[in-house]
Amino acid sequence: MERGVEIGVYNSRGVFMKAQTEGGLQERQLAERYQGYANQVGDRWHRTAAMLRRLARSYTSDARREDINAELTEDLWR
């Protein structure tokens, strides 16, 4: 059930647009948001906090990938 919630939250972002060289700014902001949520509920709801931390890690990973893609795109344009 927790995995289903994670997938639902992740997919709820829907379609989004960004510049090719923007990098992972949007994803880092989402990671910070979910990490903040995890920090707020962590003392009382451990499993919910763990799920929110997994979401934050997923968005952090996406941000790194987007940064790399943006850097490669910039290198190709030079």
PDB file of N, CA and C in Angstrom:
ATOM      1  N   MET A   1       0.820  -1.182   0.000  1.00  0.00           N
ATOM      2  CA  MET A   1       0.000   0.000   0.000  1.00  0.00           C
ATOM      3  C   MET A   1       0.876   1.263   0.000  1.00  0.00           C
ATOM      4  N   GLU A   2       1.931   1.260   0.791  1.00  0.00           N
ATOM      5  CA  GLU A   2       2.800   2.435   0.844  1.00  0.00           C
ATOM      6  C   GLU A   2       3.417   2.717  -0.525  1.00  0.00           C
ATOM      7  N   ARG A   3       3.829   1.640  -1.199  1.00  0.00           N
ATOM      8  CA  ARG A   3       4.425   1.817  -2.528  1.00  0.00           C
ATOM      9  C   ARG A   3       3.413   2.426  -3.487  1.00  0.00           C
ATOM     10  N   GLY A   4       2.162   2.012  -3.385  1.00  0.00           N
ATOM     11  CA  GLY A   4       1.116   2.580  -4.224  1.00  0.00           C
ATOM     12  C   GLY A   4       0.923   4.063  -3.967  1.00  0.00           C
ATOM     13  N   VAL A   5       0.987   4.468  -2.705  1.00  0.00           N
ATOM     14  CA  VAL A   5       0.877   5.893  -2.368  1.00  0.00           C
ATOM     15  C   VAL A   5       2.063   6.647  -2.958  1.00  0.00           C
ATOM     16  N   GLU A   6       3.263   6.082  -2.825  1.00  0.00           N
ATOM     17  CA  GLU A   6       4.455   6.741  -3.380  1.00  0.00           C
ATOM     18  C   GLU A   6       4.315   6.937  -4.882  1.00  0.00           C
ATOM     19  N   ILE A   7       3.886   5.899  -5.571  1.00  0.00           N
ATOM     20  CA  ILE A   7       3.721   5.990  -7.023  1.00  0.00           C
ATOM     21  C   ILE A   7       2.662   7.029  -7.362  1.00  0.00           C
ATOM     22  N   GLY A   8       1.565   7.032  -6.617  1.00  0.00           N
ATOM     23  CA  GLY A   8       0.511   8.013  -6.859  1.00  0.00           C
ATOM     24  C   GLY A   8       0.987   9.437  -6.663  1.00  0.00           C
ATOM     25  N   VAL A   9       1.729   9.680  -5.598  1.00  0.00           N
ATOM     26  CA  VAL A   9       2.258  11.028  -5.347  1.00  0.00           C
ATOM     27  C   VAL A   9       3.236  11.409  -6.451  1.00  0.00           C
ATOM     28  N   TYR A  10       4.125  10.490  -6.807  1.00  0.00           N
ATOM     29  CA  TYR A  10       5.123  10.761  -7.841  1.00  0.00           C
ATOM     30  C   TYR A  10       4.443  11.078  -9.172  1.00  0.00           C
ATOM     31  N   ASN A  11       3.419  10.298  -9.521  1.00  0.00           N
ATOM     32  CA  ASN A  11       2.724  10.513 -10.787  1.00  0.00           C
ATOM     33  C   ASN A  11       1.781  11.703 -10.762  1.00  0.00           C
ATOM     34  N   SER A  12       1.407  12.172  -9.581  1.00  0.00           N
ATOM     35  CA  SER A  12       0.474  13.295  -9.503  1.00  0.00           C
ATOM     36  C   SER A  12       1.073  14.584 -10.040  1.00  0.00           C
ATOM     37  N   ARG A  13       2.362  14.596 -10.221  1.00  0.00           N
ATOM     38  CA  ARG A  13       3.014  15.777 -10.801  1.00  0.00           C
ATOM     39  C   ARG A  13       2.499  16.007 -12.214  1.00  0.00           C
ATOM     40  N   GLY A  14       2.155  14.951 -12.896  1.00  0.00           N
ATOM     41  CA  GLY A  14       1.613  15.070 -14.242  1.00  0.00           C
ATOM     42  C   GLY A  14       2.673  15.514 -15.237  1.00  0.00           C
ATOM     43  N   VAL A  15       2.199  16.073 -16.323  1.00  0.00           N
ATOM     44  CA  VAL A  15       3.077  16.561 -17.374  1.00  0.00           C
ATOM     45  C   VAL A  15       3.658  17.897 -16.936  1.00  0.00           C
ATOM     46  N   PHE A  16       4.942  18.077 -17.157  1.00  0.00           N
ATOM     47  CA  PHE A  16       5.578  19.342 -16.812  1.00  0.00           C
ATOM     48  C   PHE A  16       6.564  19.707 -17.903  1.00  0.00           C
ATOM     49  N   MET A  17       6.877  20.982 -17.972  1.00  0.00           N
ATOM     50  CA  MET A  17       7.805  21.461 -18.993  1.00  0.00           C
ATOM     51  C   MET A  17       8.941  22.202 -18.308  1.00  0.00           C
ATOM     52  N   LYS A  18      10.072  22.162 -18.986  1.00  0.00           N
ATOM     53  CA  LYS A  18      11.228  22.893 -18.494  1.00  0.00           C
ATOM     54  C   LYS A  18      12.170  23.137 -19.658  1.00  0.00           C
ATOM     55  N   ALA A  19      13.045  24.089 -19.486  1.00  0.00           N
ATOM     56  CA  ALA A  19      14.063  24.356 -20.498  1.00  0.00           C
ATOM     57  C   ALA A  19      15.046  23.193 -20.526  1.00  0.00           C
ATOM     58  N   GLN A  20      15.632  22.935 -21.686  1.00  0.00           N
ATOM     59  CA  GLN A  20      16.552  21.807 -21.823  1.00  0.00           C
ATOM     60  C   GLN A  20      17.767  21.920 -20.917  1.00  0.00           C
ATOM     61  N   THR A  21      18.137  23.129 -20.589  1.00  0.00           N
ATOM     62  CA  THR A  21      19.341  23.327 -19.768  1.00  0.00           C
ATOM     63  C   THR A  21      19.013  23.758 -18.342  1.00  0.00           C
ATOM     64  N   GLU A  22      17.765  23.594 -17.929  1.00  0.00           N
ATOM     65  CA  GLU A  22      17.353  24.017 -16.587  1.00  0.00           C
ATOM     66  C   GLU A  22      17.971  23.162 -15.486  1.00  0.00           C
ATOM     67  N   GLY A  23      18.160  21.907 -15.760  1.00  0.00           N
ATOM     68  CA  GLY A  23      18.699  21.034 -14.724  1.00  0.00           C
ATOM     69  C   GLY A  23      17.620  20.595 -13.756  1.00  0.00           C
ATOM     70  N   GLY A  24      18.018  20.212 -12.562  1.00  0.00           N
ATOM     71  CA  GLY A  24      17.110  19.601 -11.606  1.00  0.00           C
ATOM     72  C   GLY A  24      16.530  20.519 -10.554  1.00  0.00           C
ATOM     73  N   LEU A  25      16.399  21.787 -10.845  1.00  0.00           N
ATOM     74  CA  LEU A  25      15.881  22.740  -9.862  1.00  0.00           C
ATOM     75  C   LEU A  25      14.490  22.347  -9.367  1.00  0.00           C
ATOM     76  N   GLN A  26      13.576  22.046 -10.278  1.00  0.00           N
ATOM     77  CA  GLN A  26      12.213  21.689  -9.877  1.00  0.00           C
ATOM     78  C   GLN A  26      12.214  20.444  -8.995  1.00  0.00           C
ATOM     79  N   GLU A  27      13.025  19.463  -9.374  1.00  0.00           N
ATOM     80  CA  GLU A  27      13.066  18.218  -8.612  1.00  0.00           C
ATOM     81  C   GLU A  27      13.676  18.431  -7.226  1.00  0.00           C
ATOM     82  N   ARG A  28      14.685  19.296  -7.131  1.00  0.00           N
ATOM     83  CA  ARG A  28      15.275  19.602  -5.819  1.00  0.00           C
ATOM     84  C   ARG A  28      14.260  20.273  -4.909  1.00  0.00           C
ATOM     85  N   GLN A  29      13.432  21.148  -5.476  1.00  0.00           N
ATOM     86  CA  GLN A  29      12.403  21.805  -4.687  1.00  0.00           C
ATOM     87  C   GLN A  29      11.379  20.788  -4.163  1.00  0.00           C
ATOM     88  N   LEU A  30      11.015  19.837  -5.006  1.00  0.00           N
ATOM     89  CA  LEU A  30      10.091  18.788  -4.565  1.00  0.00           C
ATOM     90  C   LEU A  30      10.740  17.918  -3.490  1.00  0.00           C
ATOM     91  N   ALA A  31      12.007  17.605  -3.656  1.00  0.00           N
ATOM     92  CA  ALA A  31      12.718  16.797  -2.656  1.00  0.00           C
ATOM     93  C   ALA A  31      12.734  17.520  -1.311  1.00  0.00           C
ATOM     94  N   GLU A  32      12.990  18.816  -1.335  1.00  0.00           N
ATOM     95  CA  GLU A  32      13.002  19.596  -0.092  1.00  0.00           C
ATOM     96  C   GLU A  32      11.614  19.596   0.555  1.00  0.00           C
ATOM     97  N   ARG A  33      10.585  19.713  -0.267  1.00  0.00           N
ATOM     98  CA  ARG A  33       9.218  19.722   0.254  1.00  0.00           C
ATOM     99  C   ARG A  33       8.906  18.409   0.975  1.00  0.00           C
ATOM    100  N   TYR A  34       9.197  17.286   0.325  1.00  0.00           N
ATOM    101  CA  TYR A  34       8.868  15.995   0.935  1.00  0.00           C
ATOM    102  C   TYR A  34       9.773  15.661   2.108  1.00  0.00           C
ATOM    103  N   GLN A  35      11.018  16.126   2.078  1.00  0.00           N
ATOM    104  CA  GLN A  35      11.884  15.935   3.236  1.00  0.00           C
ATOM    105  C   GLN A  35      11.362  16.753   4.417  1.00  0.00           C
ATOM    106  N   GLY A  36      10.878  17.955   4.134  1.00  0.00           N
ATOM    107  CA  GLY A  36      10.277  18.779   5.180  1.00  0.00           C
ATOM    108  C   GLY A  36       9.051  18.122   5.794  1.00  0.00           C
ATOM    109  N   TYR A  37       8.203  17.550   4.934  1.00  0.00           N
ATOM    110  CA  TYR A  37       7.041  16.819   5.445  1.00  0.00           C
ATOM    111  C   TYR A  37       7.487  15.665   6.347  1.00  0.00           C
ATOM    112  N   ALA A  38       8.510  14.944   5.892  1.00  0.00           N
ATOM    113  CA  ALA A  38       9.016  13.809   6.680  1.00  0.00           C
ATOM    114  C   ALA A  38       9.517  14.282   8.037  1.00  0.00           C
ATOM    115  N   ASN A  39      10.205  15.405   8.051  1.00  0.00           N
ATOM    116  CA  ASN A  39      10.709  15.948   9.317  1.00  0.00           C
ATOM    117  C   ASN A  39       9.568  16.326  10.261  1.00  0.00           C
ATOM    118  N   GLN A  40       8.480  16.842   9.682  1.00  0.00           N
ATOM    119  CA  GLN A  40       7.346  17.266  10.504  1.00  0.00           C
ATOM    120  C   GLN A  40       6.617  16.095  11.158  1.00  0.00           C
ATOM    121  N   VAL A  41       6.521  14.979  10.463  1.00  0.00           N
ATOM    122  CA  VAL A  41       5.738  13.858  10.989  1.00  0.00           C
ATOM    123  C   VAL A  41       6.590  12.735  11.562  1.00  0.00           C
ATOM    124  N   GLY A  42       7.905  12.852  11.445  1.00  0.00           N
ATOM    125  CA  GLY A  42       8.808  11.762  11.795  1.00  0.00           C
ATOM    126  C   GLY A  42       8.724  11.265  13.223  1.00  0.00           C
ATOM    127  N   ASP A  43       8.469  12.138  14.166  1.00  0.00           N
ATOM    128  CA  ASP A  43       8.422  11.713  15.567  1.00  0.00           C
ATOM    129  C   ASP A  43       7.183  10.886  15.886  1.00  0.00           C
ATOM    130  N   ARG A  44       6.139  11.114  15.132  1.00  0.00           N
ATOM    131  CA  ARG A  44       4.879  10.446  15.468  1.00  0.00           C
ATOM    132  C   ARG A  44       4.514   9.322  14.500  1.00  0.00           C
ATOM    133  N   TRP A  45       4.729   9.541  13.211  1.00  0.00           N
ATOM    134  CA  TRP A  45       4.340   8.557  12.193  1.00  0.00           C
ATOM    135  C   TRP A  45       5.587   8.113  11.424  1.00  0.00           C
ATOM    136  N   HIS A  46       6.255   7.116  11.961  1.00  0.00           N
ATOM    137  CA  HIS A  46       7.551   6.667  11.425  1.00  0.00           C
ATOM    138  C   HIS A  46       7.453   6.128  10.003  1.00  0.00           C
ATOM    139  N   ARG A  47       6.456   5.324   9.753  1.00  0.00           N
ATOM    140  CA  ARG A  47       6.338   4.740   8.409  1.00  0.00           C
ATOM    141  C   ARG A  47       5.973   5.792   7.375  1.00  0.00           C
ATOM    142  N   THR A  48       5.131   6.728   7.745  1.00  0.00           N
ATOM    143  CA  THR A  48       4.791   7.815   6.827  1.00  0.00           C
ATOM    144  C   THR A  48       6.023   8.656   6.541  1.00  0.00           C
ATOM    145  N   ALA A  49       6.800   8.940   7.572  1.00  0.00           N
ATOM    146  CA  ALA A  49       8.036   9.705   7.385  1.00  0.00           C
ATOM    147  C   ALA A  49       9.002   8.958   6.480  1.00  0.00           C
ATOM    148  N   ALA A  50       9.114   7.648   6.648  1.00  0.00           N
ATOM    149  CA  ALA A  50      10.001   6.853   5.801  1.00  0.00           C
ATOM    150  C   ALA A  50       9.547   6.918   4.342  1.00  0.00           C
ATOM    151  N   MET A  51       8.250   6.858   4.121  1.00  0.00           N
ATOM    152  CA  MET A  51       7.716   6.950   2.770  1.00  0.00           C
ATOM    153  C   MET A  51       8.031   8.324   2.163  1.00  0.00           C
ATOM    154  N   LEU A  52       7.864   9.368   2.941  1.00  0.00           N
ATOM    155  CA  LEU A  52       8.151  10.714   2.458  1.00  0.00           C
ATOM    156  C   LEU A  52       9.639  10.895   2.172  1.00  0.00           C
ATOM    157  N   ARG A  53      10.488  10.284   3.000  1.00  0.00           N
ATOM    158  CA  ARG A  53      11.933  10.343   2.735  1.00  0.00           C
ATOM    159  C   ARG A  53      12.287   9.605   1.448  1.00  0.00           C
ATOM    160  N   ARG A  54      11.613   8.484   1.175  1.00  0.00           N
ATOM    161  CA  ARG A  54      11.851   7.770  -0.086  1.00  0.00           C
ATOM    162  C   ARG A  54      11.469   8.640  -1.277  1.00  0.00           C
ATOM    163  N   LEU A  55      10.349   9.345  -1.158  1.00  0.00           N
ATOM    164  CA  LEU A  55       9.959  10.269  -2.219  1.00  0.00           C
ATOM    165  C   LEU A  55      11.006  11.357  -2.408  1.00  0.00           C
ATOM    166  N   ALA A  56      11.491  11.913  -1.307  1.00  0.00           N
ATOM    167  CA  ALA A  56      12.520  12.955  -1.383  1.00  0.00           C
ATOM    168  C   ALA A  56      13.774  12.418  -2.064  1.00  0.00           C
ATOM    169  N   ARG A  57      14.187  11.203  -1.703  1.00  0.00           N
ATOM    170  CA  ARG A  57      15.379  10.602  -2.336  1.00  0.00           C
ATOM    171  C   ARG A  57      15.155  10.380  -3.831  1.00  0.00           C
ATOM    172  N   SER A  58      13.957   9.985  -4.196  1.00  0.00           N
ATOM    173  CA  SER A  58      13.645   9.767  -5.603  1.00  0.00           C
ATOM    174  C   SER A  58      13.755  11.075  -6.390  1.00  0.00           C
ATOM    175  N   TYR A  59      13.199  12.144  -5.819  1.00  0.00           N
ATOM    176  CA  TYR A  59      13.294  13.436  -6.497  1.00  0.00           C
ATOM    177  C   TYR A  59      14.735  13.952  -6.517  1.00  0.00           C
ATOM    178  N   THR A  60      15.511  13.674  -5.491  1.00  0.00           N
ATOM    179  CA  THR A  60      16.922  14.069  -5.479  1.00  0.00           C
ATOM    180  C   THR A  60      17.678  13.337  -6.583  1.00  0.00           C
ATOM    181  N   SER A  61      17.394  12.072  -6.747  1.00  0.00           N
ATOM    182  CA  SER A  61      18.004  11.288  -7.817  1.00  0.00           C
ATOM    183  C   SER A  61      17.612  11.841  -9.187  1.00  0.00           C
ATOM    184  N   ASP A  62      16.335  12.174  -9.346  1.00  0.00           N
ATOM    185  CA  ASP A  62      15.869  12.776 -10.595  1.00  0.00           C
ATOM    186  C   ASP A  62      16.577  14.102 -10.849  1.00  0.00           C
ATOM    187  N   ALA A  63      16.792  14.885  -9.803  1.00  0.00           N
ATOM    188  CA  ALA A  63      17.469  16.182  -9.947  1.00  0.00           C
ATOM    189  C   ALA A  63      18.890  15.986 -10.457  1.00  0.00           C
ATOM    190  N   ARG A  64      19.595  15.005  -9.898  1.00  0.00           N
ATOM    191  CA  ARG A  64      20.961  14.732 -10.366  1.00  0.00           C
ATOM    192  C   ARG A  64      20.966  14.350 -11.839  1.00  0.00           C
ATOM    193  N   ARG A  65      20.028  13.476 -12.231  1.00  0.00           N
ATOM    194  CA  ARG A  65      19.936  13.064 -13.626  1.00  0.00           C
ATOM    195  C   ARG A  65      19.650  14.261 -14.530  1.00  0.00           C
ATOM    196  N   GLU A  66      18.732  15.130 -14.109  1.00  0.00           N
ATOM    197  CA  GLU A  66      18.407  16.314 -14.899  1.00  0.00           C
ATOM    198  C   GLU A  66      19.606  17.257 -15.001  1.00  0.00           C
ATOM    199  N   ASP A  67      20.383  17.378 -13.926  1.00  0.00           N
ATOM    200  CA  ASP A  67      21.593  18.208 -13.967  1.00  0.00           C
ATOM    201  C   ASP A  67      22.589  17.673 -14.996  1.00  0.00           C
ATOM    202  N   ILE A  68      22.762  16.365 -14.995  1.00  0.00           N
ATOM    203  CA  ILE A  68      23.687  15.747 -15.952  1.00  0.00           C
ATOM    204  C   ILE A  68      23.200  15.951 -17.376  1.00  0.00           C
ATOM    205  N   ASN A  69      21.916  15.722 -17.603  1.00  0.00           N
ATOM    206  CA  ASN A  69      21.359  15.918 -18.945  1.00  0.00           C
ATOM    207  C   ASN A  69      21.504  17.367 -19.403  1.00  0.00           C
ATOM    208  N   ALA A  70      21.276  18.302 -18.516  1.00  0.00           N
ATOM    209  CA  ALA A  70      21.411  19.720 -18.862  1.00  0.00           C
ATOM    210  C   ALA A  70      22.864  20.049 -19.199  1.00  0.00           C
ATOM    211  N   GLU A  71      23.775  19.507 -18.420  1.00  0.00           N
ATOM    212  CA  GLU A  71      25.196  19.752 -18.669  1.00  0.00           C
ATOM    213  C   GLU A  71      25.622  19.174 -20.015  1.00  0.00           C
ATOM    214  N   LEU A  72      25.170  17.977 -20.318  1.00  0.00           N
ATOM    215  CA  LEU A  72      25.500  17.363 -21.615  1.00  0.00           C
ATOM    216  C   LEU A  72      24.905  18.163 -22.762  1.00  0.00           C
ATOM    217  N   THR A  73      23.683  18.641 -22.591  1.00  0.00           N
ATOM    218  CA  THR A  73      23.051  19.456 -23.624  1.00  0.00           C
ATOM    219  C   THR A  73      23.836  20.724 -23.864  1.00  0.00           C
ATOM    220  N   GLU A  74      24.255  21.391 -22.785  1.00  0.00           N
ATOM    221  CA  GLU A  74      25.049  22.611 -22.923  1.00  0.00           C
ATOM    222  C   GLU A  74      26.365  22.325 -23.643  1.00  0.00           C
ATOM    223  N   ASP A  75      26.997  21.194 -23.313  1.00  0.00           N
ATOM    224  CA  ASP A  75      28.259  20.826 -23.962  1.00  0.00           C
ATOM    225  C   ASP A  75      28.052  20.592 -25.449  1.00  0.00           C
ATOM    226  N   LEU A  76      26.947  20.002 -25.831  1.00  0.00           N
ATOM    227  CA  LEU A  76      26.676  19.749 -27.250  1.00  0.00           C
ATOM    228  C   LEU A  76      26.434  21.043 -28.014  1.00  0.00           C
ATOM    229  N   TRP A  77      25.899  22.056 -27.360  1.00  0.00           N
ATOM    230  CA  TRP A  77      25.601  23.311 -28.025  1.00  0.00           C
ATOM    231  C   TRP A  77      26.833  24.180 -28.200  1.00  0.00           C
ATOM    232  N   ARG A  78      27.910  23.849 -27.510  1.00  0.00           N
ATOM    233  CA  ARG A  78      29.137  24.667 -27.612  1.00  0.00           C
ATOM    234  C   ARG A  78      29.892  24.365 -28.867  1.00  0.00           C
TER     235      ARG A  78
END
